[in-house]
Protein backbone atom coordinates (compact mmCIF):
# COMPACT_ATOMS: atom_id res chain seq x y z
CA MET A 1 -47.17 -67.75 -11.24
CA LYS A 2 -48.32 -69.69 -14.29
CA LYS A 3 -50.17 -66.61 -15.48
CA PHE A 4 -47.02 -64.51 -15.04
CA LEU A 5 -44.89 -67.03 -16.97
CA ALA A 6 -47.43 -67.11 -19.77
CA ILE A 7 -47.40 -63.35 -20.03
CA LEU A 8 -43.56 -63.35 -19.95
CA MET A 9 -43.35 -65.96 -22.72
CA CYS A 10 -45.84 -63.97 -24.77
CA ALA A 11 -43.79 -60.82 -24.34
CA MET A 12 -40.60 -62.63 -25.33
CA MET A 13 -42.29 -63.98 -28.45
CA LEU A 14 -43.45 -60.49 -29.38
CA VAL A 15 -39.93 -59.08 -28.90
CA SER A 16 -38.50 -61.92 -30.97
CA PHE A 17 -41.05 -61.32 -33.72
CA ALA A 18 -40.34 -57.59 -33.72
CA ALA A 19 -36.60 -58.20 -33.96
CA CYS A 20 -37.10 -60.60 -36.87
CA ALA A 21 -39.44 -58.15 -38.55
CA GLY A 22 -36.87 -55.38 -38.11
CA THR A 23 -34.14 -57.54 -39.63
CA THR A 24 -36.36 -58.41 -42.57
CA ALA A 25 -37.21 -54.75 -43.11
CA LYS A 26 -33.54 -53.82 -43.26
CA LYS A 27 -32.85 -56.48 -45.85
CA ALA A 28 -35.97 -55.81 -47.90
CA GLY A 29 -34.40 -52.97 -49.85
CA ASN A 30 -32.28 -54.07 -52.77
CA THR A 31 -31.67 -50.75 -54.52
CA ILE A 32 -28.51 -48.69 -54.25
CA TYR A 33 -29.27 -45.04 -54.93
CA VAL A 34 -26.43 -42.78 -56.02
CA LEU A 35 -27.01 -39.02 -55.77
CA GLY A 36 -24.73 -36.68 -57.66
CA PRO A 37 -24.34 -34.13 -60.47
CA THR A 38 -25.53 -34.28 -64.05
CA PRO A 39 -22.81 -36.20 -65.96
CA ASP A 40 -20.89 -33.83 -68.22
CA HIS A 41 -17.54 -31.99 -68.24
CA GLY A 42 -15.72 -30.38 -65.33
CA TRP A 43 -14.63 -32.08 -62.08
CA THR A 44 -18.06 -32.37 -60.49
CA ALA A 45 -19.86 -33.47 -63.63
CA GLN A 46 -17.08 -35.88 -64.62
CA ALA A 47 -17.56 -37.52 -61.22
CA GLY A 48 -21.16 -38.03 -62.30
CA THR A 49 -20.00 -39.65 -65.54
CA TYR A 50 -17.86 -42.15 -63.65
CA ALA A 51 -20.70 -42.84 -61.19
CA ASP A 52 -23.18 -43.42 -64.01
CA LYS A 53 -20.81 -46.00 -65.49
CA LYS A 54 -20.44 -47.80 -62.14
CA VAL A 55 -24.23 -47.90 -61.68
CA ALA A 56 -24.57 -49.55 -65.10
CA GLU A 57 -22.00 -52.18 -64.07
CA ILE A 58 -23.93 -52.98 -60.88
CA ASN A 59 -27.16 -53.41 -62.83
CA ALA A 60 -25.41 -55.68 -65.32
CA GLU A 61 -24.15 -57.90 -62.50
CA GLY A 62 -27.72 -58.29 -61.27
CA LYS A 63 -27.23 -58.77 -57.52
CA TYR A 64 -28.45 -55.26 -56.73
CA LYS A 65 -30.48 -52.71 -58.59
CA ALA A 66 -28.70 -49.37 -58.85
CA VAL A 67 -30.16 -45.97 -59.73
CA TYR A 68 -28.23 -42.79 -60.48
CA MET A 69 -30.15 -39.63 -59.61
CA ALA A 70 -28.63 -36.46 -61.08
CA ALA A 71 -29.29 -32.99 -59.70
CA SER A 72 -28.01 -29.47 -60.07
CA THR A 73 -28.74 -28.12 -56.55
CA GLY A 74 -28.75 -29.31 -52.98
CA GLU A 75 -32.46 -28.55 -52.70
CA GLU A 76 -33.17 -30.85 -55.62
CA GLN A 77 -31.26 -33.60 -53.83
CA VAL A 78 -33.50 -33.17 -50.76
CA ASP A 79 -36.48 -33.81 -53.03
CA GLN A 80 -34.76 -36.89 -54.43
CA VAL A 81 -34.35 -38.29 -50.92
CA GLN A 82 -38.09 -37.93 -50.38
CA THR A 83 -38.65 -39.93 -53.56
CA ILE A 84 -36.23 -42.61 -52.35
CA LEU A 85 -37.98 -42.87 -48.99
CA ALA A 86 -41.37 -43.04 -50.67
CA ASN A 87 -40.13 -45.91 -52.86
CA GLY A 88 -39.23 -47.87 -49.74
CA ASP A 89 -36.66 -50.06 -51.50
CA ALA A 90 -33.33 -48.46 -50.56
CA ALA A 91 -30.52 -50.76 -49.47
CA GLY A 92 -28.24 -47.75 -49.17
CA VAL A 93 -27.49 -44.32 -50.60
CA VAL A 94 -24.20 -42.90 -51.88
CA PHE A 95 -24.61 -39.16 -51.44
CA PHE A 96 -22.44 -36.61 -53.28
CA ALA A 97 -23.92 -33.44 -51.80
CA LEU A 98 -23.70 -30.64 -54.34
CA GLU A 99 -24.26 -27.93 -51.74
CA ASP A 100 -24.60 -27.72 -47.97
CA SER A 101 -28.34 -27.22 -48.52
CA ALA A 102 -28.50 -30.99 -49.16
CA LYS A 103 -28.08 -31.44 -45.40
CA ALA A 104 -31.84 -31.89 -44.90
CA GLY A 105 -31.76 -34.84 -47.28
CA GLN A 106 -29.04 -36.56 -45.28
CA GLU A 107 -30.96 -35.86 -42.07
CA ALA A 108 -34.05 -37.49 -43.60
CA LEU A 109 -32.02 -40.62 -44.39
CA ILE A 110 -30.78 -40.71 -40.82
CA ALA A 111 -34.33 -40.39 -39.47
CA ALA A 112 -35.49 -43.25 -41.74
CA ASN A 113 -32.50 -45.43 -40.73
CA VAL A 114 -31.26 -45.70 -44.33
CA PRO A 115 -27.48 -46.22 -44.46
CA PHE A 116 -25.60 -43.66 -46.52
CA ILE A 117 -22.05 -42.84 -47.53
CA SER A 118 -21.17 -39.16 -47.81
CA PHE A 119 -18.81 -38.38 -50.71
CA ASP A 120 -16.57 -35.36 -51.40
CA ARG A 121 -18.55 -32.56 -49.74
CA ILE A 122 -18.75 -33.76 -46.15
CA ILE A 123 -21.55 -31.92 -44.36
CA GLU A 124 -20.91 -31.48 -40.67
CA GLY A 125 -23.63 -32.91 -38.45
CA PRO A 126 -24.89 -35.73 -40.70
CA ASP A 127 -21.26 -36.88 -41.12
CA LYS A 128 -21.43 -38.36 -37.62
CA SER A 129 -24.23 -40.71 -38.75
CA ALA A 130 -22.87 -41.66 -42.18
CA ILE A 131 -21.62 -45.24 -42.42
CA LEU A 132 -18.58 -43.65 -44.09
CA ASN A 133 -17.35 -40.21 -45.13
CA ALA A 134 -15.23 -40.60 -48.25
CA SER A 135 -13.25 -38.11 -50.30
CA GLY A 136 -9.83 -37.34 -51.62
CA ASP A 137 -7.44 -36.29 -48.88
CA ASN A 138 -8.05 -32.55 -48.85
CA TRP A 139 -5.62 -31.95 -45.99
CA GLN A 140 -2.89 -33.51 -48.10
CA CYS A 141 -3.88 -31.33 -51.06
CA GLY A 142 -3.09 -28.29 -48.95
CA ALA A 143 0.04 -29.85 -47.49
CA GLY A 144 1.30 -30.75 -50.97
CA ILE A 145 0.88 -27.21 -52.24
CA ALA A 146 2.54 -25.76 -49.13
CA TYR A 147 5.48 -28.13 -49.64
CA TRP A 148 5.79 -27.26 -53.34
CA LEU A 149 5.55 -23.50 -52.85
CA GLN A 150 8.04 -23.64 -49.99
CA LYS A 151 10.40 -25.73 -52.14
CA ASN A 152 10.21 -22.93 -54.67
CA GLY A 153 11.21 -20.24 -52.22
CA MET A 154 8.07 -19.29 -50.31
CA ALA A 155 9.08 -17.94 -46.90
CA PRO A 156 7.50 -15.68 -44.28
CA GLY A 157 6.87 -12.25 -45.76
CA ALA A 158 6.16 -13.62 -49.26
CA THR A 159 3.32 -12.44 -51.50
CA MET A 160 0.67 -15.11 -52.13
CA VAL A 161 -2.73 -15.23 -53.80
CA THR A 162 -5.30 -17.78 -52.53
CA LEU A 163 -8.09 -18.80 -54.93
CA ILE A 164 -10.78 -20.64 -52.97
CA GLY A 165 -13.52 -22.84 -54.45
CA ASP A 166 -16.24 -22.24 -51.85
CA ASN A 167 -16.75 -22.09 -48.09
CA GLY A 168 -17.50 -25.80 -47.62
CA THR A 169 -15.39 -28.51 -46.00
CA VAL A 170 -13.39 -29.29 -49.16
CA CYS A 171 -11.60 -25.93 -49.17
CA SER A 172 -11.53 -25.46 -45.41
CA ARG A 173 -9.70 -28.78 -45.11
CA ARG A 174 -7.29 -27.80 -47.89
CA GLN A 175 -6.48 -24.61 -46.01
CA GLU A 176 -6.08 -26.54 -42.75
CA GLY A 177 -3.61 -28.92 -44.39
CA PHE A 178 -1.67 -26.02 -45.92
CA GLU A 179 -1.27 -24.37 -42.52
CA GLN A 180 -0.63 -27.61 -40.63
CA PHE A 181 2.28 -28.43 -42.96
CA LEU A 182 3.86 -25.01 -42.51
CA ARG A 183 3.50 -25.24 -38.72
CA GLY A 184 5.26 -28.61 -38.81
CA GLU A 185 2.23 -30.55 -37.56
CA ILE A 186 1.84 -32.85 -40.58
CA GLU A 187 4.02 -34.08 -43.43
CA TYR A 188 3.19 -34.22 -47.11
CA TYR A 189 3.23 -37.79 -48.45
CA ASP A 190 3.86 -38.06 -52.18
CA LYS A 191 2.43 -41.36 -53.41
CA ASP A 192 4.02 -40.93 -56.82
CA LYS A 193 7.52 -40.80 -55.31
CA ASN A 194 6.68 -42.81 -52.17
CA GLU A 195 8.33 -40.10 -50.10
CA SER A 196 7.26 -37.99 -47.14
CA TYR A 197 8.34 -34.37 -46.73
CA LYS A 198 8.47 -32.08 -43.71
CA THR A 199 8.50 -28.32 -43.70
CA THR A 200 12.01 -26.92 -43.96
CA GLN A 201 10.99 -23.98 -41.79
CA VAL A 202 8.38 -24.01 -39.03
CA TRP A 203 6.07 -21.02 -39.45
CA THR A 204 4.21 -19.22 -36.69
CA GLN A 205 0.48 -18.68 -37.06
CA ASP A 206 1.10 -14.94 -37.29
CA GLU A 207 3.42 -15.52 -40.26
CA ILE A 208 0.80 -17.70 -41.95
CA ASN A 209 -1.92 -15.14 -41.29
CA ALA A 210 0.21 -12.42 -42.87
CA LEU A 211 0.82 -14.64 -45.91
CA THR A 212 -2.88 -15.26 -46.50
CA ALA A 213 -4.36 -11.94 -45.37
CA ASP A 214 -4.27 -9.66 -48.37
CA TYR A 215 -5.13 -11.54 -51.55
CA LYS A 216 -7.77 -14.24 -51.32
CA THR A 217 -11.20 -14.75 -52.83
CA VAL A 218 -13.96 -17.33 -53.22
CA CYS A 219 -14.28 -18.12 -56.93
CA ASN A 220 -17.19 -20.63 -56.81
CA TRP A 221 -14.95 -23.16 -58.58
CA SER A 222 -14.97 -21.13 -61.79
CA ALA A 223 -12.33 -19.72 -64.10
CA ASP A 224 -14.50 -16.61 -64.48
CA GLY A 225 -14.54 -16.03 -60.73
CA ALA A 226 -10.74 -16.04 -60.61
CA TYR A 227 -10.52 -13.91 -63.75
CA GLN A 228 -12.81 -11.21 -62.35
CA TYR A 229 -10.98 -10.98 -59.04
CA LEU A 230 -7.52 -10.92 -60.61
CA GLU A 231 -8.57 -8.41 -63.26
CA GLN A 232 -9.12 -5.94 -60.44
CA LYS A 233 -6.26 -6.96 -58.16
CA LEU A 234 -3.37 -8.06 -60.37
CA PRO A 235 -1.64 -4.66 -60.70
CA GLU A 236 -1.64 -4.31 -56.90
CA ILE A 237 -0.48 -7.91 -56.43
CA VAL A 238 2.38 -7.48 -58.90
CA ALA A 239 3.48 -4.25 -57.23
CA LYS A 240 3.50 -5.97 -53.84
CA ALA A 241 5.45 -8.98 -55.16
CA LYS A 242 8.13 -6.65 -56.54
CA THR A 243 8.75 -5.47 -52.97
CA THR A 244 8.99 -9.00 -51.51
CA GLY A 245 11.90 -10.40 -53.45
CA GLY A 246 10.26 -10.51 -56.86
CA ASN A 247 8.45 -13.75 -56.07
CA LEU A 248 4.72 -14.50 -56.38
CA TYR A 249 2.98 -17.66 -55.18
CA ILE A 250 -0.45 -18.76 -56.41
CA TYR A 251 -2.36 -21.12 -54.13
CA SER A 252 -5.23 -22.18 -56.37
CA MET A 253 -7.59 -24.81 -54.96
CA ASP A 254 -8.82 -25.96 -58.38
CA ASP A 255 -7.59 -26.28 -61.97
CA GLU A 256 -10.43 -24.12 -63.27
CA MET A 257 -9.31 -21.15 -61.22
CA THR A 258 -5.75 -21.54 -62.46
CA PHE A 259 -7.14 -21.34 -65.98
CA GLY A 260 -8.83 -18.10 -64.92
CA LEU A 261 -5.39 -16.59 -64.31
CA MET A 262 -4.06 -17.84 -67.65
CA ASN A 263 -7.13 -16.56 -69.49
CA LEU A 264 -6.61 -13.13 -67.95
CA LEU A 265 -2.96 -13.03 -69.01
CA GLU A 266 -4.05 -13.81 -72.58
CA ALA A 267 -6.76 -11.16 -72.65
CA ASN A 268 -6.55 -7.42 -73.23
CA ALA A 269 -7.97 -6.64 -69.79
CA ILE A 270 -4.55 -6.09 -68.19
CA ASP A 271 -2.20 -3.34 -69.34
CA GLU A 272 1.03 -4.36 -71.00
CA ALA A 273 3.21 -2.81 -68.30
CA THR A 274 1.59 -5.02 -65.63
CA LYS A 275 1.97 -8.06 -67.85
CA ALA A 276 5.64 -7.28 -68.38
CA ASP A 277 6.18 -6.86 -64.65
CA PHE A 278 4.30 -10.11 -64.01
CA ALA A 279 6.51 -11.94 -66.53
CA ALA A 280 9.61 -10.58 -64.79
CA LEU A 281 8.52 -12.03 -61.43
CA ASN A 282 9.30 -15.56 -60.28
CA VAL A 283 5.76 -16.98 -60.34
CA TYR A 284 4.90 -20.44 -58.99
CA THR A 285 1.35 -21.52 -59.71
CA SER A 286 -0.51 -24.46 -58.20
CA ALA A 287 -3.81 -26.18 -58.88
CA ILE A 288 -5.82 -29.18 -57.71
CA GLY A 289 -7.75 -31.63 -59.86
CA GLY A 290 -6.21 -33.21 -62.92
CA MET A 291 -7.97 -31.73 -65.95
CA ALA A 292 -6.61 -33.11 -69.21
CA GLU A 293 -6.46 -29.54 -70.49
CA LEU A 294 -4.16 -28.48 -67.65
CA TYR A 295 -1.99 -31.55 -68.08
CA ALA A 296 -1.60 -30.45 -71.71
CA VAL A 297 -0.39 -27.07 -70.48
CA ILE A 298 2.09 -28.75 -68.13
CA ASP A 299 3.45 -31.11 -70.80
CA GLY A 300 3.67 -28.33 -73.40
CA THR A 301 1.16 -29.71 -75.94
CA SER A 302 -1.63 -27.18 -75.32
CA THR A 303 -1.99 -23.90 -77.19
CA GLN A 304 -1.98 -22.28 -73.73
CA ALA A 305 1.36 -23.84 -72.84
CA ALA A 306 3.11 -20.78 -74.27
CA THR A 307 1.26 -18.59 -71.78
CA ALA A 308 2.43 -20.71 -68.87
CA GLN A 309 5.99 -20.75 -70.21
CA THR A 310 5.99 -16.96 -70.55
CA TYR A 311 4.50 -16.07 -67.20
CA PHE A 312 5.11 -19.00 -64.82
CA ASP A 313 8.36 -20.36 -63.45
CA GLY A 314 6.60 -23.47 -62.20
CA LEU A 315 3.16 -25.07 -62.62
CA MET A 316 1.66 -28.13 -60.96
CA SER A 317 -1.68 -29.70 -60.10
CA VAL A 318 -2.40 -32.02 -57.17
CA TYR A 319 -3.92 -35.24 -58.53
CA PHE A 320 -7.52 -35.37 -57.29
CA SER A 321 -9.46 -37.46 -59.78
CA PRO A 322 -13.28 -37.53 -60.01
CA LYS A 323 -12.88 -41.23 -60.83
CA MET A 324 -12.77 -41.85 -57.08
CA PHE A 325 -16.60 -41.69 -57.13
CA GLU A 326 -16.50 -45.20 -58.65
CA ASN A 327 -14.50 -46.45 -55.68
CA VAL A 328 -16.93 -44.90 -53.22
CA ILE A 329 -19.89 -46.68 -54.80
CA GLY A 330 -17.82 -49.84 -54.43
CA TYR A 331 -17.62 -49.16 -50.69
CA MET A 332 -21.41 -49.37 -50.50
CA LEU A 333 -21.24 -52.78 -52.17
CA ASP A 334 -18.67 -53.83 -49.57
CA TYR A 335 -20.99 -52.67 -46.79
CA LEU A 336 -24.00 -54.53 -48.16
CA ASN A 337 -21.95 -57.68 -48.69
CA GLY A 338 -20.73 -57.61 -45.08
CA ASN A 339 -17.13 -56.75 -45.95
CA TRP A 340 -16.96 -53.82 -43.55
CA ASP A 341 -14.59 -52.76 -40.79
CA TYR A 342 -15.52 -49.07 -40.53
CA LYS A 343 -17.46 -47.52 -37.69
CA VAL A 344 -20.30 -45.05 -38.18
CA GLY A 345 -18.85 -41.60 -38.77
CA ASP A 346 -15.44 -42.85 -39.94
CA GLY A 347 -13.59 -41.14 -42.77
CA LYS A 348 -11.71 -42.65 -45.71
CA TYR A 349 -9.49 -40.33 -47.71
CA GLU A 350 -7.89 -41.30 -51.00
CA PRO A 351 -4.24 -40.35 -51.51
CA VAL A 352 -3.31 -37.31 -53.60
CA TRP A 353 0.02 -36.21 -55.02
CA ILE A 354 1.75 -33.55 -57.09
CA VAL A 355 1.68 -33.81 -60.87
CA ASP A 356 4.17 -31.58 -62.69
CA SER A 357 6.35 -31.71 -65.78
CA GLY A 358 8.36 -34.57 -64.31
CA ASN A 359 5.52 -37.07 -64.04
CA VAL A 360 2.57 -35.67 -66.02
CA ALA A 361 3.06 -38.28 -68.77
CA ASN A 362 2.14 -41.00 -66.25
CA TYR A 363 -1.37 -39.74 -65.56
CA GLU A 364 -4.57 -39.43 -67.56
CA GLY A 365 -6.58 -36.29 -66.95
CA PHE A 366 -10.35 -35.88 -66.98
CA THR A 367 -12.31 -33.69 -69.38
CA GLY A 368 -12.49 -30.26 -67.85
CA HIS A 369 -13.95 -28.10 -70.60
CA ALA A 370 -16.64 -28.86 -73.14
CA SER A 371 -15.09 -29.72 -76.49
């Protein structure tokens, strides 16, 4: 019996030691790693600029060391994770995945038990193990555009063009929100006005499918991608819109792609007859982001404002600022400091709202194009 008790006590001491060792190992890391794009212009790169600034603030405070690791591909981010794991000093990682190919990097963090927050591009699978999945509210982006287009006359049978960024979760959620609003399943909440809006007409899925079937393309977040598609399709689109009440609705999931349309209208690539017909239509054009250059079009101070005034009957952009990357890094600080009520796999989505000529003066845009 004594021998058994001695063995039991020994085992309990070993378990206790292992638990203490495990706790120490978790607290040993004091470095916050932030993975994202090379800081520059454009939404993605401007997010990197804001993140770089936040990292510098953390280092100046001195409680944690912070490192910003810039990349241009998802594969490069996987390599960066291997470097982080080799360093062995990570307290946590804030991970802005540039592409879905970064998934292997997030899986490596999970395997090594390193806490991470997923930002903006939420990769399915690893999202269930992230301590938080944070982004702007992409469903509300779609709902806001559906509300605005409907307010401007969009009804079943209308002609609409959908300009998609890519096939990741950002755009799929924007499309989900767009359709959910029209089906009456969600409302659009406008933070700027502190008002919620419901659809004025509940659409069937068949009506939505017909709206989105003919004219949609993936533009890879670029003005050129939208330009090239519309250069080929605009005459057909204009002809179709003339048969559906003379109205045309542009569902653009990014400011850059809206600029692609404006650039095309300013170029010599479209015949004058098509341009004249386009100008005669009632055209309502959306965007998402908040580029300073697009705000200047909306408020009339840009050289391209005349193009919008000639060809568009309405122009807006859903506020979706890259500055939110700063907030997300702050969430990691909250986690490490024990100020945390989220469960693993939870999502946190920052509010978004419509910016148009009525409120554009209240908001500062980010640098979209290189100066």
